[in-house]
């Protein structure tokens, strides 16, 4: 159990540091010669890729936890290849939780931590994107609300 706890908190630290560095890089990369809407699209694309990498961190540890450390196994749909671990990790990270694969043993703890971690990182990305859109998106004159249209 201690190994599962150590792996979980190690993954949280790794993903937080990685995500922080990506956000920091995106903040500094505002000097890229691109129109403002292009910058927003660039930010969203990079953040999407960052989440894929973070899901990959967890899928790698699931593979190690099952095949090397013997911390548990998965029941339900067959899981054996790298894509299956990536699929499972993506389902957990996004808190989708389809339930077609069930962790058994100490990997359940890693699964629970990944769901919380993924939720946190996704909301961090959403708030960063919201702030970037507030700076970069041309809101002026784009929408007319019902209160603005006083005939």
N, C-alpha and C. Protein backbone atom coordinates (compact mmCIF):
# COMPACT_ATOMS: atom_id res chain seq x y z
N UNK A 1 0.82 -1.20 0.00
CA UNK A 1 0.00 0.00 0.00
C UNK A 1 0.86 1.27 0.00
N UNK A 2 1.98 1.24 0.71
CA UNK A 2 2.85 2.41 0.76
C UNK A 2 3.40 2.75 -0.63
N UNK A 3 3.68 1.72 -1.42
CA UNK A 3 4.17 1.96 -2.78
C UNK A 3 3.10 2.64 -3.62
N UNK A 4 1.85 2.22 -3.49
CA UNK A 4 0.75 2.84 -4.24
C UNK A 4 0.59 4.31 -3.82
N UNK A 5 0.72 4.58 -2.53
CA UNK A 5 0.62 5.96 -2.05
C UNK A 5 1.77 6.79 -2.60
N UNK A 6 2.98 6.25 -2.53
CA UNK A 6 4.15 6.97 -3.04
C UNK A 6 4.04 7.22 -4.54
N UNK A 7 3.61 6.22 -5.29
CA UNK A 7 3.43 6.40 -6.73
C UNK A 7 2.38 7.46 -7.03
N UNK A 8 1.28 7.43 -6.28
CA UNK A 8 0.19 8.39 -6.50
C UNK A 8 0.65 9.82 -6.26
N UNK A 9 1.29 10.04 -5.12
CA UNK A 9 1.71 11.40 -4.81
C UNK A 9 2.88 11.84 -5.70
N UNK A 10 3.70 10.90 -6.12
CA UNK A 10 4.74 11.21 -7.09
C UNK A 10 4.14 11.65 -8.42
N UNK A 11 3.07 10.97 -8.85
CA UNK A 11 2.39 11.34 -10.09
C UNK A 11 1.71 12.71 -9.97
N UNK A 12 1.13 12.98 -8.81
CA UNK A 12 0.52 14.29 -8.60
C UNK A 12 1.59 15.38 -8.71
N UNK A 13 2.71 15.18 -8.04
CA UNK A 13 3.79 16.17 -8.10
C UNK A 13 4.30 16.34 -9.53
N UNK A 14 4.54 15.22 -10.20
CA UNK A 14 5.04 15.28 -11.58
C UNK A 14 4.06 16.00 -12.50
N UNK A 15 2.78 15.65 -12.40
CA UNK A 15 1.79 16.28 -13.29
C UNK A 15 1.59 17.75 -12.96
N UNK A 16 1.62 18.12 -11.67
CA UNK A 16 1.49 19.53 -11.30
C UNK A 16 2.67 20.34 -11.84
N UNK A 17 3.86 19.83 -11.65
CA UNK A 17 5.06 20.54 -12.13
C UNK A 17 5.03 20.64 -13.65
N UNK A 18 4.70 19.53 -14.32
CA UNK A 18 4.62 19.54 -15.78
C UNK A 18 3.58 20.55 -16.24
N UNK A 19 2.40 20.52 -15.64
CA UNK A 19 1.31 21.42 -16.05
C UNK A 19 1.70 22.89 -15.79
N UNK A 20 2.30 23.12 -14.65
CA UNK A 20 2.76 24.48 -14.32
C UNK A 20 3.75 24.97 -15.37
N UNK A 21 4.69 24.11 -15.74
CA UNK A 21 5.70 24.51 -16.73
C UNK A 21 5.05 24.78 -18.10
N UNK A 22 4.06 23.99 -18.48
CA UNK A 22 3.36 24.22 -19.75
C UNK A 22 2.64 25.57 -19.70
N UNK A 23 1.93 25.84 -18.60
CA UNK A 23 1.22 27.12 -18.47
C UNK A 23 2.20 28.29 -18.46
N UNK A 24 3.30 28.12 -17.79
CA UNK A 24 4.33 29.17 -17.76
C UNK A 24 4.87 29.41 -19.16
N UNK A 25 5.15 28.33 -19.89
CA UNK A 25 5.63 28.47 -21.26
C UNK A 25 4.60 29.15 -22.15
N UNK A 26 3.32 28.79 -21.97
CA UNK A 26 2.27 29.43 -22.76
C UNK A 26 2.16 30.92 -22.44
N UNK A 27 2.38 31.27 -21.18
CA UNK A 27 2.34 32.69 -20.79
C UNK A 27 3.45 33.48 -21.46
N UNK A 28 4.63 32.88 -21.52
CA UNK A 28 5.79 33.55 -22.10
C UNK A 28 5.72 33.53 -23.63
N UNK A 29 5.06 32.54 -24.20
CA UNK A 29 5.03 32.40 -25.65
C UNK A 29 4.03 33.36 -26.30
N UNK A 30 3.55 34.34 -25.55
CA UNK A 30 2.63 35.31 -26.13
C UNK A 30 3.30 36.20 -27.17
N UNK A 31 4.63 36.15 -27.24
CA UNK A 31 5.35 36.94 -28.23
C UNK A 31 5.35 36.28 -29.61
N UNK A 32 4.77 35.10 -29.72
CA UNK A 32 4.70 34.41 -31.02
C UNK A 32 3.89 35.27 -31.99
N UNK A 33 4.42 35.42 -33.19
CA UNK A 33 3.73 36.23 -34.20
C UNK A 33 2.55 35.43 -34.74
N UNK A 34 1.36 35.79 -34.25
CA UNK A 34 0.15 35.08 -34.62
C UNK A 34 -1.01 36.01 -34.28
N UNK A 35 -2.11 35.92 -35.02
CA UNK A 35 -3.26 36.75 -34.65
C UNK A 35 -3.85 36.25 -33.33
N UNK A 36 -4.67 37.08 -32.71
CA UNK A 36 -5.15 36.79 -31.36
C UNK A 36 -5.98 35.51 -31.30
N UNK A 37 -6.85 35.29 -32.27
CA UNK A 37 -7.65 34.06 -32.28
C UNK A 37 -6.77 32.84 -32.49
N UNK A 38 -5.73 32.98 -33.28
CA UNK A 38 -4.77 31.90 -33.48
C UNK A 38 -4.04 31.56 -32.19
N UNK A 39 -3.74 32.58 -31.39
CA UNK A 39 -3.09 32.33 -30.10
C UNK A 39 -4.01 31.55 -29.17
N UNK A 40 -5.30 31.88 -29.18
CA UNK A 40 -6.24 31.13 -28.34
C UNK A 40 -6.29 29.67 -28.79
N UNK A 41 -6.36 29.45 -30.08
CA UNK A 41 -6.38 28.08 -30.60
C UNK A 41 -5.08 27.35 -30.25
N UNK A 42 -3.97 28.04 -30.34
CA UNK A 42 -2.68 27.46 -29.97
C UNK A 42 -2.67 27.05 -28.50
N UNK A 43 -3.17 27.92 -27.63
CA UNK A 43 -3.23 27.62 -26.20
C UNK A 43 -4.08 26.38 -25.95
N UNK A 44 -5.25 26.30 -26.57
CA UNK A 44 -6.14 25.16 -26.37
C UNK A 44 -5.48 23.87 -26.87
N UNK A 45 -4.83 23.94 -28.01
CA UNK A 45 -4.17 22.76 -28.58
C UNK A 45 -3.03 22.27 -27.68
N UNK A 46 -2.21 23.19 -27.20
CA UNK A 46 -1.09 22.81 -26.33
C UNK A 46 -1.60 22.23 -25.02
N UNK A 47 -2.64 22.83 -24.46
CA UNK A 47 -3.21 22.30 -23.22
C UNK A 47 -3.80 20.91 -23.42
N UNK A 48 -4.43 20.68 -24.56
CA UNK A 48 -4.95 19.35 -24.88
C UNK A 48 -3.80 18.33 -24.91
N UNK A 49 -2.72 18.69 -25.57
CA UNK A 49 -1.56 17.80 -25.63
C UNK A 49 -0.96 17.58 -24.24
N UNK A 50 -0.94 18.60 -23.43
CA UNK A 50 -0.42 18.46 -22.06
C UNK A 50 -1.25 17.44 -21.28
N UNK A 51 -2.56 17.49 -21.44
CA UNK A 51 -3.42 16.52 -20.75
C UNK A 51 -3.17 15.10 -21.26
N UNK A 52 -2.93 14.96 -22.54
CA UNK A 52 -2.63 13.63 -23.09
C UNK A 52 -1.33 13.09 -22.47
N UNK A 53 -0.34 13.95 -22.34
CA UNK A 53 0.93 13.53 -21.73
C UNK A 53 0.70 13.13 -20.27
N UNK A 54 -0.09 13.91 -19.54
CA UNK A 54 -0.37 13.59 -18.14
C UNK A 54 -1.14 12.27 -18.00
N UNK A 55 -2.05 12.02 -18.91
CA UNK A 55 -2.73 10.72 -18.93
C UNK A 55 -1.72 9.61 -19.19
N UNK A 56 -0.74 9.89 -20.05
CA UNK A 56 0.32 8.94 -20.33
C UNK A 56 1.17 8.62 -19.10
N UNK A 57 1.42 9.63 -18.26
CA UNK A 57 2.15 9.38 -17.01
C UNK A 57 1.44 8.30 -16.19
N UNK A 58 0.15 8.48 -16.03
CA UNK A 58 -0.62 7.52 -15.23
C UNK A 58 -0.70 6.15 -15.89
N UNK A 59 -0.89 6.13 -17.20
CA UNK A 59 -0.99 4.82 -17.87
C UNK A 59 0.32 4.04 -17.74
N UNK A 60 1.43 4.73 -17.79
CA UNK A 60 2.73 4.08 -17.59
C UNK A 60 2.82 3.47 -16.20
N UNK A 61 2.38 4.20 -15.19
CA UNK A 61 2.42 3.70 -13.82
C UNK A 61 1.43 2.56 -13.62
N UNK A 62 0.27 2.61 -14.26
CA UNK A 62 -0.65 1.46 -14.18
C UNK A 62 0.02 0.21 -14.72
N UNK A 63 0.68 0.34 -15.85
CA UNK A 63 1.37 -0.80 -16.46
C UNK A 63 2.43 -1.35 -15.50
N UNK A 64 3.25 -0.46 -14.94
CA UNK A 64 4.26 -0.88 -13.97
C UNK A 64 3.63 -1.49 -12.72
N UNK A 65 2.56 -0.87 -12.24
CA UNK A 65 1.91 -1.34 -11.02
C UNK A 65 1.36 -2.75 -11.16
N UNK A 66 0.82 -3.05 -12.32
CA UNK A 66 0.24 -4.38 -12.55
C UNK A 66 1.31 -5.40 -12.91
N UNK A 67 2.18 -5.06 -13.83
CA UNK A 67 3.12 -6.04 -14.39
C UNK A 67 4.44 -6.18 -13.64
N UNK A 68 4.84 -5.15 -12.92
CA UNK A 68 6.13 -5.20 -12.23
C UNK A 68 5.98 -5.21 -10.70
N UNK A 69 5.16 -4.28 -10.18
CA UNK A 69 5.05 -4.14 -8.73
C UNK A 69 3.97 -5.02 -8.11
N UNK A 70 3.12 -5.64 -8.93
CA UNK A 70 2.05 -6.52 -8.46
C UNK A 70 1.17 -5.83 -7.42
N UNK A 71 0.73 -4.62 -7.72
CA UNK A 71 -0.13 -3.86 -6.82
C UNK A 71 -1.61 -4.13 -7.04
N UNK A 72 -1.94 -4.96 -7.99
CA UNK A 72 -3.32 -5.28 -8.28
C UNK A 72 -3.48 -5.69 -9.73
N UNK A 73 -4.72 -5.72 -10.15
CA UNK A 73 -5.04 -6.09 -11.53
C UNK A 73 -6.36 -5.44 -11.92
N UNK A 74 -6.73 -5.61 -13.17
CA UNK A 74 -7.97 -5.04 -13.68
C UNK A 74 -8.94 -6.15 -14.04
N UNK A 75 -10.21 -5.94 -13.68
CA UNK A 75 -11.28 -6.85 -14.05
C UNK A 75 -12.16 -6.17 -15.09
N UNK A 76 -12.93 -6.96 -15.79
CA UNK A 76 -13.83 -6.41 -16.78
C UNK A 76 -13.25 -6.60 -18.17
N UNK A 77 -13.34 -5.56 -18.97
CA UNK A 77 -12.81 -5.61 -20.33
C UNK A 77 -11.32 -5.93 -20.27
N UNK A 78 -10.84 -6.74 -21.21
CA UNK A 78 -9.42 -7.11 -21.18
C UNK A 78 -8.51 -5.89 -21.31
N UNK A 79 -7.48 -5.89 -20.49
CA UNK A 79 -6.51 -4.79 -20.53
C UNK A 79 -5.12 -5.43 -20.55
N UNK A 80 -4.34 -5.10 -21.53
CA UNK A 80 -3.04 -5.72 -21.63
C UNK A 80 -2.03 -4.88 -22.36
N UNK A 81 -2.47 -4.20 -23.39
CA UNK A 81 -1.55 -3.39 -24.18
C UNK A 81 -1.50 -1.96 -23.70
N UNK A 82 -0.56 -1.22 -24.24
CA UNK A 82 -0.36 0.18 -23.86
C UNK A 82 -1.61 1.02 -24.13
N UNK A 83 -2.30 0.77 -25.24
CA UNK A 83 -3.50 1.54 -25.56
C UNK A 83 -4.61 1.29 -24.55
N UNK A 84 -4.69 0.08 -24.01
CA UNK A 84 -5.71 -0.21 -23.01
C UNK A 84 -5.45 0.56 -21.72
N UNK A 85 -4.17 0.62 -21.31
CA UNK A 85 -3.82 1.41 -20.13
C UNK A 85 -4.08 2.89 -20.38
N UNK A 86 -3.78 3.35 -21.58
CA UNK A 86 -4.03 4.75 -21.93
C UNK A 86 -5.53 5.04 -21.92
N UNK A 87 -6.31 4.12 -22.45
CA UNK A 87 -7.77 4.28 -22.44
C UNK A 87 -8.28 4.36 -21.00
N UNK A 88 -7.87 3.41 -20.18
CA UNK A 88 -8.33 3.40 -18.79
C UNK A 88 -7.93 4.69 -18.08
N UNK A 89 -6.70 5.10 -18.25
CA UNK A 89 -6.22 6.31 -17.61
C UNK A 89 -7.01 7.53 -18.09
N UNK A 90 -7.32 7.60 -19.37
CA UNK A 90 -8.11 8.71 -19.89
C UNK A 90 -9.51 8.76 -19.32
N UNK A 91 -10.11 7.60 -19.16
CA UNK A 91 -11.45 7.53 -18.58
C UNK A 91 -11.44 8.00 -17.12
N UNK A 92 -10.41 7.65 -16.40
CA UNK A 92 -10.30 8.04 -14.99
C UNK A 92 -9.92 9.52 -14.88
N UNK A 93 -8.92 9.96 -15.63
CA UNK A 93 -8.42 11.34 -15.57
C UNK A 93 -9.54 12.34 -15.84
N UNK A 94 -10.38 12.03 -16.80
CA UNK A 94 -11.46 12.94 -17.17
C UNK A 94 -12.69 12.76 -16.29
N UNK A 95 -12.62 11.89 -15.32
CA UNK A 95 -13.71 11.51 -14.41
C UNK A 95 -14.94 10.99 -15.16
N UNK A 96 -14.73 10.47 -16.35
CA UNK A 96 -15.82 9.89 -17.12
C UNK A 96 -16.33 8.62 -16.44
N UNK A 97 -15.41 7.74 -16.05
CA UNK A 97 -15.75 6.56 -15.28
C UNK A 97 -16.77 5.64 -15.94
N UNK A 98 -16.46 5.08 -17.08
CA UNK A 98 -17.40 4.21 -17.78
C UNK A 98 -17.73 2.94 -17.01
N UNK A 99 -16.79 2.40 -16.27
CA UNK A 99 -17.05 1.21 -15.48
C UNK A 99 -16.85 -0.10 -16.21
N UNK A 100 -16.30 -0.06 -17.41
CA UNK A 100 -16.06 -1.31 -18.13
C UNK A 100 -14.79 -2.01 -17.67
N UNK A 101 -13.94 -1.29 -16.95
CA UNK A 101 -12.71 -1.84 -16.36
C UNK A 101 -12.70 -1.45 -14.88
N UNK A 102 -12.45 -2.43 -14.01
CA UNK A 102 -12.47 -2.19 -12.57
C UNK A 102 -11.10 -2.52 -11.98
N UNK A 103 -10.50 -1.59 -11.24
CA UNK A 103 -9.23 -1.90 -10.58
C UNK A 103 -9.46 -2.75 -9.33
N UNK A 104 -8.55 -3.65 -9.09
CA UNK A 104 -8.61 -4.50 -7.91
C UNK A 104 -7.25 -4.39 -7.22
N UNK A 105 -7.26 -4.22 -5.92
CA UNK A 105 -6.01 -4.11 -5.17
C UNK A 105 -5.64 -2.66 -4.93
N UNK A 106 -4.37 -2.46 -4.67
CA UNK A 106 -3.89 -1.12 -4.30
C UNK A 106 -3.91 -0.12 -5.46
N UNK A 107 -4.07 -0.60 -6.68
CA UNK A 107 -4.17 0.36 -7.80
C UNK A 107 -5.47 1.16 -7.74
N UNK A 108 -6.40 0.72 -6.91
CA UNK A 108 -7.62 1.51 -6.71
C UNK A 108 -7.28 2.88 -6.14
N UNK A 109 -6.29 2.93 -5.25
CA UNK A 109 -5.88 4.21 -4.67
C UNK A 109 -5.30 5.12 -5.75
N UNK A 110 -4.47 4.57 -6.61
CA UNK A 110 -3.90 5.35 -7.71
C UNK A 110 -5.02 5.89 -8.60
N UNK A 111 -6.02 5.06 -8.85
CA UNK A 111 -7.17 5.46 -9.67
C UNK A 111 -7.91 6.62 -9.04
N UNK A 112 -8.15 6.54 -7.74
CA UNK A 112 -8.87 7.62 -7.06
C UNK A 112 -8.09 8.93 -7.10
N UNK A 113 -6.80 8.85 -6.88
CA UNK A 113 -5.96 10.06 -6.91
C UNK A 113 -5.92 10.63 -8.33
N UNK A 114 -5.87 9.76 -9.34
CA UNK A 114 -5.85 10.27 -10.71
C UNK A 114 -7.12 11.04 -11.04
N UNK A 115 -8.27 10.56 -10.60
CA UNK A 115 -9.52 11.27 -10.87
C UNK A 115 -9.51 12.67 -10.26
N UNK A 116 -9.06 12.77 -9.02
CA UNK A 116 -8.98 14.07 -8.37
C UNK A 116 -7.95 14.96 -9.06
N UNK A 117 -6.80 14.39 -9.39
CA UNK A 117 -5.74 15.13 -10.05
C UNK A 117 -6.19 15.62 -11.43
N UNK A 118 -6.80 14.74 -12.20
CA UNK A 118 -7.28 15.11 -13.53
C UNK A 118 -8.31 16.23 -13.47
N UNK A 119 -9.24 16.10 -12.54
CA UNK A 119 -10.26 17.14 -12.37
C UNK A 119 -9.61 18.48 -12.06
N UNK A 120 -8.64 18.47 -11.17
CA UNK A 120 -7.94 19.70 -10.80
C UNK A 120 -7.20 20.30 -12.00
N UNK A 121 -6.47 19.46 -12.74
CA UNK A 121 -5.68 19.97 -13.86
C UNK A 121 -6.57 20.46 -15.01
N UNK A 122 -7.68 19.79 -15.24
CA UNK A 122 -8.60 20.24 -16.29
C UNK A 122 -9.19 21.59 -15.92
N UNK A 123 -9.57 21.78 -14.66
CA UNK A 123 -10.12 23.07 -14.26
C UNK A 123 -9.06 24.16 -14.28
N UNK A 124 -7.82 23.80 -13.96
CA UNK A 124 -6.71 24.76 -14.05
C UNK A 124 -6.55 25.22 -15.49
N UNK A 125 -6.61 24.28 -16.43
CA UNK A 125 -6.51 24.63 -17.85
C UNK A 125 -7.69 25.50 -18.28
N UNK A 126 -8.87 25.17 -17.80
CA UNK A 126 -10.05 25.95 -18.17
C UNK A 126 -9.94 27.38 -17.67
N UNK A 127 -9.47 27.57 -16.46
CA UNK A 127 -9.34 28.94 -15.94
C UNK A 127 -8.24 29.71 -16.69
N UNK A 128 -7.16 29.02 -17.04
CA UNK A 128 -6.11 29.66 -17.82
C UNK A 128 -6.65 30.08 -19.20
N UNK A 129 -7.40 29.20 -19.83
CA UNK A 129 -7.98 29.49 -21.14
C UNK A 129 -8.97 30.66 -21.04
N UNK A 130 -9.77 30.66 -19.99
CA UNK A 130 -10.72 31.75 -19.77
C UNK A 130 -9.99 33.09 -19.66
N UNK A 131 -8.92 33.12 -18.89
CA UNK A 131 -8.15 34.37 -18.74
C UNK A 131 -7.50 34.77 -20.06
N UNK A 132 -6.98 33.80 -20.79
CA UNK A 132 -6.35 34.10 -22.09
C UNK A 132 -7.39 34.63 -23.07
N UNK A 133 -8.57 34.06 -23.07
CA UNK A 133 -9.61 34.54 -23.98
C UNK A 133 -10.06 35.94 -23.60
N UNK A 134 -10.06 36.22 -22.32
CA UNK A 134 -10.41 37.58 -21.89
C UNK A 134 -9.43 38.61 -22.41
N UNK A 135 -8.16 38.22 -22.53
CA UNK A 135 -7.13 39.11 -23.06
C UNK A 135 -7.09 39.14 -24.57
N UNK A 136 -7.32 37.98 -25.20
CA UNK A 136 -7.04 37.86 -26.63
C UNK A 136 -8.27 37.87 -27.54
N UNK A 137 -9.41 37.53 -27.04
CA UNK A 137 -10.59 37.38 -27.88
C UNK A 137 -11.25 38.74 -28.10
N UNK A 138 -11.62 39.04 -29.35
CA UNK A 138 -12.24 40.35 -29.63
C UNK A 138 -13.74 40.35 -29.29
N UNK A 139 -14.05 40.62 -28.03
CA UNK A 139 -15.44 40.56 -27.59
C UNK A 139 -16.23 41.79 -28.02
N UNK A 140 -15.59 42.91 -28.15
CA UNK A 140 -16.27 44.17 -28.46
C UNK A 140 -17.02 44.08 -29.78
N UNK A 141 -18.31 44.39 -29.76
CA UNK A 141 -19.10 44.44 -30.98
C UNK A 141 -19.44 43.09 -31.57
N UNK A 142 -19.14 42.01 -30.89
CA UNK A 142 -19.40 40.68 -31.43
C UNK A 142 -20.81 40.20 -31.14
N UNK A 143 -21.33 40.56 -29.99
CA UNK A 143 -22.65 40.08 -29.58
C UNK A 143 -23.52 41.26 -29.21
N UNK A 144 -24.79 41.10 -29.46
CA UNK A 144 -25.75 42.10 -29.04
C UNK A 144 -26.71 41.40 -28.10
N UNK A 145 -26.72 41.85 -26.85
CA UNK A 145 -27.64 41.25 -25.89
C UNK A 145 -29.00 41.91 -25.98
N UNK A 146 -29.99 41.31 -25.37
CA UNK A 146 -31.34 41.85 -25.43
C UNK A 146 -31.43 43.19 -24.72
N UNK A 147 -30.55 43.46 -23.76
CA UNK A 147 -30.57 44.74 -23.06
C UNK A 147 -29.94 45.85 -23.89
N UNK A 148 -29.04 45.46 -24.82
CA UNK A 148 -28.40 46.46 -25.67
C UNK A 148 -29.32 46.92 -26.81
N UNK A 149 -30.27 46.11 -27.18
CA UNK A 149 -31.13 46.38 -28.31
C UNK A 149 -32.42 47.04 -27.82
N UNK A 150 -32.35 48.33 -27.55
CA UNK A 150 -33.51 49.07 -27.02
C UNK A 150 -34.14 49.87 -28.14
N UNK A 151 -35.15 49.27 -28.78
CA UNK A 151 -35.84 49.98 -29.87
C UNK A 151 -37.03 50.71 -29.40
